[in-house]
N, C-alpha and C. Protein backbone atom coordinates (compact mmCIF):
# COMPACT_ATOMS: atom_id res chain seq x y z
N UNK A 1 0.85 -1.19 0.00
CA UNK A 1 0.00 0.00 0.00
C UNK A 1 0.88 1.24 0.00
N UNK A 2 0.35 2.28 -0.61
CA UNK A 2 1.08 3.53 -0.67
C UNK A 2 0.33 4.61 0.06
N UNK A 3 1.08 5.59 0.55
CA UNK A 3 0.44 6.74 1.15
C UNK A 3 0.23 7.77 0.06
N UNK A 4 -0.93 8.39 0.08
CA UNK A 4 -1.22 9.44 -0.88
C UNK A 4 -1.73 10.65 -0.12
N UNK A 5 -1.63 11.79 -0.75
CA UNK A 5 -2.05 13.04 -0.12
C UNK A 5 -2.96 13.78 -1.08
N UNK A 6 -4.07 14.30 -0.57
CA UNK A 6 -4.91 15.17 -1.40
C UNK A 6 -5.55 16.20 -0.50
N UNK A 7 -6.02 17.25 -1.12
CA UNK A 7 -6.70 18.30 -0.36
C UNK A 7 -8.20 18.07 -0.42
N UNK A 8 -8.84 18.18 0.73
CA UNK A 8 -10.28 18.05 0.82
C UNK A 8 -10.77 19.18 1.69
N UNK A 9 -11.52 20.10 1.10
CA UNK A 9 -12.04 21.26 1.83
C UNK A 9 -10.92 22.00 2.56
N UNK A 10 -9.82 22.24 1.86
CA UNK A 10 -8.67 22.99 2.35
C UNK A 10 -7.85 22.24 3.40
N UNK A 11 -8.23 21.02 3.78
CA UNK A 11 -7.44 20.21 4.70
C UNK A 11 -6.60 19.24 3.91
N UNK A 12 -5.39 18.99 4.38
CA UNK A 12 -4.56 17.97 3.74
C UNK A 12 -4.91 16.64 4.38
N UNK A 13 -5.27 15.68 3.55
CA UNK A 13 -5.67 14.37 4.04
C UNK A 13 -4.63 13.35 3.58
N UNK A 14 -4.09 12.57 4.50
CA UNK A 14 -3.15 11.50 4.17
C UNK A 14 -3.88 10.18 4.35
N UNK A 15 -3.71 9.31 3.42
CA UNK A 15 -4.35 8.01 3.53
C UNK A 15 -3.54 6.99 2.74
N UNK A 16 -3.79 5.75 3.03
CA UNK A 16 -3.12 4.67 2.32
C UNK A 16 -4.06 4.13 1.27
N UNK A 17 -3.54 3.93 0.09
CA UNK A 17 -4.35 3.45 -1.03
C UNK A 17 -3.79 2.11 -1.48
N UNK A 18 -4.63 1.10 -1.59
CA UNK A 18 -4.13 -0.16 -2.13
C UNK A 18 -3.76 0.03 -3.60
N UNK A 19 -2.65 -0.55 -4.00
CA UNK A 19 -2.20 -0.46 -5.39
C UNK A 19 -2.61 -1.72 -6.11
N UNK A 20 -3.35 -1.58 -7.20
CA UNK A 20 -3.86 -2.74 -7.93
C UNK A 20 -3.13 -2.94 -9.25
N UNK A 21 -2.06 -2.21 -9.46
CA UNK A 21 -1.30 -2.40 -10.69
C UNK A 21 0.15 -2.66 -10.33
N UNK A 22 0.92 -3.06 -11.29
CA UNK A 22 2.33 -3.30 -11.07
C UNK A 22 3.10 -1.99 -11.01
N UNK A 23 2.46 -0.91 -11.41
CA UNK A 23 3.13 0.38 -11.43
C UNK A 23 3.14 0.96 -10.03
N UNK A 24 4.31 1.32 -9.57
CA UNK A 24 4.43 2.00 -8.28
C UNK A 24 4.65 3.47 -8.59
N UNK A 25 3.80 4.29 -8.03
CA UNK A 25 3.90 5.73 -8.26
C UNK A 25 4.90 6.30 -7.27
N UNK A 26 5.94 6.96 -7.76
CA UNK A 26 6.91 7.55 -6.84
C UNK A 26 6.24 8.54 -5.90
N UNK A 27 6.71 8.58 -4.67
CA UNK A 27 6.12 9.45 -3.67
C UNK A 27 6.09 10.90 -4.14
N UNK A 28 7.14 11.34 -4.83
CA UNK A 28 7.19 12.72 -5.32
C UNK A 28 6.05 13.01 -6.29
N UNK A 29 5.64 12.03 -7.09
CA UNK A 29 4.55 12.21 -8.05
C UNK A 29 3.20 12.24 -7.33
N UNK A 30 3.04 11.40 -6.33
CA UNK A 30 1.77 11.33 -5.59
C UNK A 30 1.51 12.65 -4.88
N UNK A 31 2.52 13.25 -4.33
CA UNK A 31 2.34 14.49 -3.59
C UNK A 31 1.96 15.65 -4.49
N UNK A 32 2.22 15.54 -5.78
CA UNK A 32 1.90 16.62 -6.71
C UNK A 32 0.75 16.23 -7.62
N UNK A 33 -0.21 15.51 -7.10
CA UNK A 33 -1.34 15.08 -7.92
C UNK A 33 -1.99 16.28 -8.58
N UNK A 34 -2.22 16.13 -9.86
CA UNK A 34 -2.94 17.13 -10.63
C UNK A 34 -4.13 16.43 -11.26
N UNK A 35 -5.16 17.19 -11.52
CA UNK A 35 -6.33 16.61 -12.18
C UNK A 35 -5.96 16.26 -13.61
N UNK A 36 -6.17 15.02 -13.97
CA UNK A 36 -5.86 14.53 -15.31
C UNK A 36 -7.17 14.57 -16.11
N UNK A 37 -7.26 15.49 -17.05
CA UNK A 37 -8.50 15.68 -17.81
C UNK A 37 -8.87 14.45 -18.64
N UNK A 38 -7.86 13.76 -19.17
CA UNK A 38 -8.13 12.52 -19.92
C UNK A 38 -8.74 11.47 -18.99
N UNK A 39 -8.22 11.39 -17.78
CA UNK A 39 -8.74 10.43 -16.80
C UNK A 39 -10.18 10.77 -16.42
N UNK A 40 -10.47 12.06 -16.27
CA UNK A 40 -11.84 12.50 -15.97
C UNK A 40 -12.80 11.98 -17.03
N UNK A 41 -12.47 12.24 -18.26
CA UNK A 41 -13.33 11.83 -19.38
C UNK A 41 -13.44 10.31 -19.43
N UNK A 42 -12.31 9.61 -19.35
CA UNK A 42 -12.32 8.15 -19.44
C UNK A 42 -13.09 7.51 -18.28
N UNK A 43 -12.92 8.05 -17.07
CA UNK A 43 -13.64 7.49 -15.92
C UNK A 43 -15.14 7.71 -16.06
N UNK A 44 -15.55 8.91 -16.46
CA UNK A 44 -16.98 9.17 -16.64
C UNK A 44 -17.57 8.29 -17.75
N UNK A 45 -16.84 8.12 -18.84
CA UNK A 45 -17.33 7.25 -19.92
C UNK A 45 -17.45 5.80 -19.44
N UNK A 46 -16.50 5.35 -18.64
CA UNK A 46 -16.54 3.98 -18.11
C UNK A 46 -17.74 3.79 -17.18
N UNK A 47 -17.98 4.76 -16.31
CA UNK A 47 -19.11 4.68 -15.39
C UNK A 47 -20.42 4.71 -16.16
N UNK A 48 -20.50 5.58 -17.15
CA UNK A 48 -21.71 5.70 -17.95
C UNK A 48 -22.03 4.39 -18.69
N UNK A 49 -21.02 3.63 -19.02
CA UNK A 49 -21.22 2.39 -19.79
C UNK A 49 -21.88 1.28 -18.97
N UNK A 50 -21.99 1.46 -17.66
CA UNK A 50 -22.65 0.45 -16.84
C UNK A 50 -24.11 0.33 -17.26
N UNK A 51 -24.63 -0.88 -17.23
CA UNK A 51 -25.99 -1.11 -17.72
C UNK A 51 -27.08 -0.65 -16.76
N UNK A 52 -26.77 -0.60 -15.47
CA UNK A 52 -27.77 -0.17 -14.50
C UNK A 52 -27.16 0.85 -13.54
N UNK A 53 -28.02 1.66 -12.95
CA UNK A 53 -27.57 2.58 -11.91
C UNK A 53 -27.52 1.79 -10.63
N UNK A 54 -26.33 1.66 -10.09
CA UNK A 54 -26.16 0.89 -8.86
C UNK A 54 -24.96 1.42 -8.10
N UNK A 55 -24.98 1.25 -6.81
CA UNK A 55 -23.85 1.62 -5.98
C UNK A 55 -22.73 0.63 -6.24
N UNK A 56 -21.54 1.12 -6.51
CA UNK A 56 -20.42 0.20 -6.73
C UNK A 56 -19.15 0.76 -6.12
N UNK A 57 -18.23 -0.14 -5.87
CA UNK A 57 -16.96 0.17 -5.24
C UNK A 57 -15.93 0.48 -6.32
N UNK A 58 -15.24 1.61 -6.19
CA UNK A 58 -14.28 2.05 -7.20
C UNK A 58 -13.13 1.06 -7.38
N UNK A 59 -12.59 0.52 -6.31
CA UNK A 59 -11.45 -0.41 -6.42
C UNK A 59 -11.83 -1.65 -7.22
N UNK A 60 -13.01 -2.21 -6.94
CA UNK A 60 -13.47 -3.38 -7.69
C UNK A 60 -13.75 -3.02 -9.15
N UNK A 61 -14.36 -1.87 -9.36
CA UNK A 61 -14.65 -1.40 -10.71
C UNK A 61 -13.36 -1.25 -11.51
N UNK A 62 -12.37 -0.63 -10.90
CA UNK A 62 -11.08 -0.40 -11.56
C UNK A 62 -10.41 -1.71 -11.96
N UNK A 63 -10.42 -2.68 -11.08
CA UNK A 63 -9.77 -3.97 -11.36
C UNK A 63 -10.38 -4.66 -12.57
N UNK A 64 -11.66 -4.41 -12.83
CA UNK A 64 -12.38 -5.09 -13.91
C UNK A 64 -12.53 -4.24 -15.17
N UNK A 65 -11.80 -3.14 -15.27
CA UNK A 65 -11.92 -2.25 -16.42
C UNK A 65 -10.57 -2.10 -17.12
N UNK A 66 -10.32 -2.91 -18.16
CA UNK A 66 -9.06 -2.78 -18.90
C UNK A 66 -8.88 -1.39 -19.50
N UNK A 67 -9.98 -0.71 -19.83
CA UNK A 67 -9.89 0.62 -20.43
C UNK A 67 -9.37 1.68 -19.46
N UNK A 68 -9.34 1.36 -18.17
CA UNK A 68 -8.83 2.32 -17.18
C UNK A 68 -7.43 1.96 -16.68
N UNK A 69 -6.89 0.85 -17.13
CA UNK A 69 -5.60 0.37 -16.63
C UNK A 69 -4.42 1.24 -17.06
N UNK A 70 -4.65 2.15 -17.99
CA UNK A 70 -3.58 3.08 -18.37
C UNK A 70 -3.28 4.07 -17.25
N UNK A 71 -4.19 4.14 -16.27
CA UNK A 71 -4.02 5.03 -15.11
C UNK A 71 -3.75 4.18 -13.88
N UNK A 72 -2.98 4.71 -12.95
CA UNK A 72 -2.80 4.02 -11.68
C UNK A 72 -4.09 4.13 -10.88
N UNK A 73 -4.29 3.24 -9.94
CA UNK A 73 -5.46 3.34 -9.08
C UNK A 73 -5.45 4.66 -8.32
N UNK A 74 -4.27 5.13 -7.94
CA UNK A 74 -4.16 6.39 -7.22
C UNK A 74 -4.73 7.55 -8.04
N UNK A 75 -4.46 7.55 -9.35
CA UNK A 75 -4.98 8.60 -10.23
C UNK A 75 -6.49 8.48 -10.37
N UNK A 76 -6.99 7.26 -10.52
CA UNK A 76 -8.43 7.03 -10.61
C UNK A 76 -9.12 7.46 -9.32
N UNK A 77 -8.54 7.08 -8.20
CA UNK A 77 -9.10 7.44 -6.88
C UNK A 77 -9.17 8.96 -6.74
N UNK A 78 -8.06 9.62 -6.99
CA UNK A 78 -7.99 11.08 -6.87
C UNK A 78 -9.02 11.75 -7.78
N UNK A 79 -9.13 11.25 -9.00
CA UNK A 79 -10.09 11.80 -9.97
C UNK A 79 -11.51 11.62 -9.47
N UNK A 80 -11.84 10.44 -8.96
CA UNK A 80 -13.20 10.18 -8.45
C UNK A 80 -13.52 11.08 -7.27
N UNK A 81 -12.56 11.27 -6.38
CA UNK A 81 -12.79 12.14 -5.22
C UNK A 81 -13.07 13.57 -5.69
N UNK A 82 -12.27 14.06 -6.63
CA UNK A 82 -12.49 15.42 -7.13
C UNK A 82 -13.79 15.55 -7.91
N UNK A 83 -14.15 14.52 -8.68
CA UNK A 83 -15.42 14.55 -9.41
C UNK A 83 -16.60 14.58 -8.43
N UNK A 84 -16.48 13.87 -7.32
CA UNK A 84 -17.52 13.92 -6.29
C UNK A 84 -17.56 15.31 -5.64
N UNK A 85 -16.39 15.83 -5.29
CA UNK A 85 -16.32 17.17 -4.69
C UNK A 85 -16.90 18.24 -5.62
N UNK A 86 -16.68 18.07 -6.93
CA UNK A 86 -17.14 19.06 -7.91
C UNK A 86 -18.58 18.88 -8.35
N UNK A 87 -19.26 17.84 -7.85
CA UNK A 87 -20.66 17.64 -8.19
C UNK A 87 -20.88 16.90 -9.50
N UNK A 88 -19.85 16.22 -10.01
CA UNK A 88 -19.98 15.44 -11.25
C UNK A 88 -20.40 14.00 -10.97
N UNK A 89 -20.16 13.54 -9.74
CA UNK A 89 -20.53 12.18 -9.32
C UNK A 89 -21.22 12.24 -7.97
N UNK A 90 -22.20 11.36 -7.76
CA UNK A 90 -22.71 11.11 -6.42
C UNK A 90 -21.88 9.96 -5.89
N UNK A 91 -21.05 10.25 -4.91
CA UNK A 91 -20.14 9.24 -4.39
C UNK A 91 -19.81 9.54 -2.94
N UNK A 92 -19.36 8.51 -2.24
CA UNK A 92 -18.97 8.65 -0.85
C UNK A 92 -17.57 8.09 -0.69
N UNK A 93 -16.69 8.90 -0.11
CA UNK A 93 -15.33 8.45 0.18
C UNK A 93 -15.36 7.74 1.53
N UNK A 94 -14.85 6.51 1.53
CA UNK A 94 -14.77 5.74 2.77
C UNK A 94 -13.30 5.68 3.20
N UNK A 95 -13.05 6.03 4.45
CA UNK A 95 -11.68 6.00 4.93
C UNK A 95 -11.57 4.98 6.06
N UNK A 96 -10.56 4.15 5.93
CA UNK A 96 -10.28 3.11 6.91
C UNK A 96 -8.95 3.43 7.56
N UNK A 97 -8.53 2.59 8.48
CA UNK A 97 -7.28 2.83 9.18
C UNK A 97 -6.11 2.89 8.20
N UNK A 98 -6.03 1.93 7.28
CA UNK A 98 -4.89 1.86 6.38
C UNK A 98 -5.22 2.08 4.91
N UNK A 99 -6.44 2.44 4.59
CA UNK A 99 -6.78 2.62 3.18
C UNK A 99 -8.02 3.50 3.04
N UNK A 100 -8.30 3.85 1.82
CA UNK A 100 -9.50 4.62 1.48
C UNK A 100 -10.09 4.05 0.21
N UNK A 101 -11.36 4.26 0.02
CA UNK A 101 -12.01 3.84 -1.21
C UNK A 101 -13.19 4.76 -1.46
N UNK A 102 -13.79 4.61 -2.63
CA UNK A 102 -14.92 5.43 -3.01
C UNK A 102 -16.06 4.52 -3.44
N UNK A 103 -17.24 4.77 -2.93
CA UNK A 103 -18.45 4.10 -3.40
C UNK A 103 -19.18 5.10 -4.29
N UNK A 104 -19.42 4.70 -5.52
CA UNK A 104 -20.03 5.60 -6.50
C UNK A 104 -21.46 5.14 -6.76
N UNK A 105 -22.39 6.08 -6.71
CA UNK A 105 -23.79 5.76 -6.98
C UNK A 105 -24.15 6.06 -8.43
N UNK A 106 -23.80 7.29 -8.90
CA UNK A 106 -24.20 7.65 -10.26
C UNK A 106 -23.50 8.91 -10.70
N UNK A 107 -23.57 9.16 -11.99
CA UNK A 107 -23.13 10.43 -12.55
C UNK A 107 -24.27 11.42 -12.35
N UNK A 108 -23.95 12.63 -11.95
CA UNK A 108 -24.97 13.65 -11.73
C UNK A 108 -25.35 14.31 -13.06
N UNK A 109 -26.36 15.18 -13.01
CA UNK A 109 -26.75 15.95 -14.18
C UNK A 109 -25.56 16.74 -14.72
N UNK A 110 -24.82 17.39 -13.82
CA UNK A 110 -23.64 18.17 -14.20
C UNK A 110 -22.60 17.28 -14.88
N UNK A 111 -22.41 16.08 -14.35
CA UNK A 111 -21.47 15.13 -14.95
C UNK A 111 -21.89 14.69 -16.33
N UNK A 112 -23.19 14.41 -16.50
CA UNK A 112 -23.70 14.03 -17.82
C UNK A 112 -23.59 15.18 -18.82
N UNK A 113 -23.85 16.39 -18.35
CA UNK A 113 -23.74 17.56 -19.22
C UNK A 113 -22.31 17.72 -19.73
N UNK A 114 -21.34 17.59 -18.81
CA UNK A 114 -19.94 17.66 -19.22
C UNK A 114 -19.62 16.55 -20.21
N UNK A 115 -20.01 15.34 -19.89
CA UNK A 115 -19.71 14.19 -20.73
C UNK A 115 -20.34 14.32 -22.11
N UNK A 116 -21.56 14.81 -22.18
CA UNK A 116 -22.22 15.00 -23.47
C UNK A 116 -21.47 16.01 -24.34
N UNK A 117 -20.86 17.00 -23.71
CA UNK A 117 -20.11 18.00 -24.46
C UNK A 117 -18.75 17.50 -24.95
N UNK A 118 -18.14 16.56 -24.23
CA UNK A 118 -16.79 16.12 -24.58
C UNK A 118 -16.73 14.67 -25.06
N UNK A 119 -17.86 14.04 -25.25
CA UNK A 119 -17.91 12.61 -25.63
C UNK A 119 -17.22 12.33 -26.96
N UNK A 120 -17.52 13.13 -27.96
CA UNK A 120 -16.97 12.92 -29.30
C UNK A 120 -15.47 13.19 -29.30
N UNK A 121 -14.68 12.24 -29.83
CA UNK A 121 -13.22 12.39 -29.83
C UNK A 121 -12.77 13.64 -30.57
N UNK A 122 -13.40 13.93 -31.70
CA UNK A 122 -13.03 15.10 -32.49
C UNK A 122 -13.25 16.39 -31.68
N UNK A 123 -14.39 16.47 -31.03
CA UNK A 123 -14.71 17.65 -30.21
C UNK A 123 -13.75 17.74 -29.03
N UNK A 124 -13.51 16.62 -28.36
CA UNK A 124 -12.61 16.60 -27.20
C UNK A 124 -11.20 17.04 -27.60
N UNK A 125 -10.69 16.48 -28.67
CA UNK A 125 -9.32 16.83 -29.09
C UNK A 125 -9.21 18.29 -29.51
N UNK A 126 -10.23 18.80 -30.19
CA UNK A 126 -10.23 20.21 -30.59
C UNK A 126 -10.34 21.12 -29.36
N UNK A 127 -11.15 20.70 -28.39
CA UNK A 127 -11.31 21.47 -27.15
C UNK A 127 -9.97 21.57 -26.43
N UNK A 128 -9.33 20.42 -26.24
CA UNK A 128 -8.04 20.41 -25.53
C UNK A 128 -6.99 21.24 -26.26
N UNK A 129 -6.86 21.02 -27.56
CA UNK A 129 -5.82 21.75 -28.29
C UNK A 129 -6.09 23.25 -28.29
N UNK A 130 -7.33 23.65 -28.43
CA UNK A 130 -7.67 25.08 -28.41
C UNK A 130 -7.31 25.71 -27.07
N UNK A 131 -7.70 25.05 -26.00
CA UNK A 131 -7.45 25.61 -24.67
C UNK A 131 -5.97 25.58 -24.30
N UNK A 132 -5.30 24.47 -24.58
CA UNK A 132 -3.88 24.37 -24.23
C UNK A 132 -3.04 25.36 -25.04
N UNK A 133 -3.42 25.57 -26.29
CA UNK A 133 -2.69 26.48 -27.16
C UNK A 133 -2.84 27.93 -26.69
N UNK A 134 -4.05 28.26 -26.22
CA UNK A 134 -4.34 29.66 -25.88
C UNK A 134 -4.06 30.01 -24.43
N UNK A 135 -4.33 29.08 -23.50
CA UNK A 135 -4.19 29.43 -22.08
C UNK A 135 -3.33 28.46 -21.28
N UNK A 136 -3.06 27.29 -21.78
CA UNK A 136 -2.17 26.36 -21.09
C UNK A 136 -2.82 25.42 -20.09
N UNK A 137 -3.86 25.87 -19.43
CA UNK A 137 -4.58 25.00 -18.50
C UNK A 137 -6.05 25.41 -18.51
N UNK A 138 -6.90 24.53 -17.99
CA UNK A 138 -8.33 24.84 -18.02
C UNK A 138 -9.09 24.02 -16.99
N UNK A 139 -10.23 24.55 -16.59
CA UNK A 139 -11.12 23.84 -15.66
C UNK A 139 -12.10 23.00 -16.47
N UNK A 140 -12.77 22.08 -15.78
CA UNK A 140 -13.77 21.25 -16.46
C UNK A 140 -14.93 22.09 -16.96
N UNK A 141 -15.32 23.09 -16.21
CA UNK A 141 -16.45 23.91 -16.64
C UNK A 141 -16.10 24.72 -17.90
N UNK A 142 -14.88 25.22 -17.98
CA UNK A 142 -14.45 25.94 -19.18
C UNK A 142 -14.36 24.97 -20.36
N UNK A 143 -13.80 23.78 -20.13
CA UNK A 143 -13.71 22.77 -21.20
C UNK A 143 -15.09 22.43 -21.73
N UNK A 144 -16.06 22.31 -20.82
CA UNK A 144 -17.42 21.98 -21.23
C UNK A 144 -18.01 23.09 -22.09
N UNK A 145 -17.78 24.35 -21.71
CA UNK A 145 -18.30 25.48 -22.48
C UNK A 145 -17.64 25.58 -23.85
N UNK A 146 -16.33 25.40 -23.89
CA UNK A 146 -15.63 25.46 -25.17
C UNK A 146 -16.09 24.32 -26.07
N UNK A 147 -16.23 23.11 -25.49
CA UNK A 147 -16.71 21.96 -26.27
C UNK A 147 -18.11 22.23 -26.81
N UNK A 148 -18.98 22.84 -26.00
CA UNK A 148 -20.33 23.16 -26.46
C UNK A 148 -20.28 24.14 -27.63
N UNK A 149 -19.39 25.13 -27.56
CA UNK A 149 -19.23 26.08 -28.67
C UNK A 149 -18.72 25.37 -29.92
N UNK A 150 -17.80 24.44 -29.76
CA UNK A 150 -17.27 23.68 -30.90
C UNK A 150 -18.38 22.84 -31.53
N UNK A 151 -19.19 22.21 -30.69
CA UNK A 151 -20.34 21.42 -31.20
C UNK A 151 -21.27 22.30 -32.01
N UNK A 152 -21.60 23.48 -31.47
CA UNK A 152 -22.49 24.39 -32.19
C UNK A 152 -21.88 24.83 -33.51
N UNK A 153 -20.59 25.10 -33.49
CA UNK A 153 -19.89 25.52 -34.71
C UNK A 153 -19.86 24.40 -35.75
N UNK A 154 -19.53 23.18 -35.32
CA UNK A 154 -19.47 22.05 -36.24
C UNK A 154 -20.84 21.70 -36.83
N UNK A 155 -21.89 21.96 -36.03
CA UNK A 155 -23.24 21.61 -36.49
C UNK A 155 -23.88 22.73 -37.31
N UNK A 156 -23.19 23.87 -37.43
CA UNK A 156 -23.70 24.97 -38.22
C UNK A 156 -24.67 25.87 -37.49
N UNK A 157 -24.83 25.71 -36.18
CA UNK A 157 -25.76 26.55 -35.41
C UNK A 157 -25.11 27.83 -34.92
N UNK A 158 -23.83 27.96 -35.11
CA UNK A 158 -23.15 29.15 -34.60
C UNK A 158 -22.34 29.78 -35.70
């Protein structure tokens, strides 16, 4: 198990995360966790692909999703926690003595709205390149708005 650090409501929280991959994340990388926009999109798409709305455990979900194995569990965990904090997922973080996990219930309206705007690969890639070229970094809400503008432009409505 590895120790990871993240901020929750301005408090620094340290917890141990079980590692489910062969990749060991160096401590220096874990301490500088940044939101991975590709992981956000991929995690939301994976959750959306479930056939029913049901409460599920993130660690078990991750182990059974080859499409998410490009990310460490630590990155998936961090992303899920931030998506819950941001109102994109209904989820509960469970903390134990030596580990933490997330139980996810569903994607929220806000999460679906974001996903609908960035679902198409062409739109997503154009959104990222436009924002990175012009400003270097971006929030999910800005990405969603830019993607919506791109959709309108591509469809001839703008």
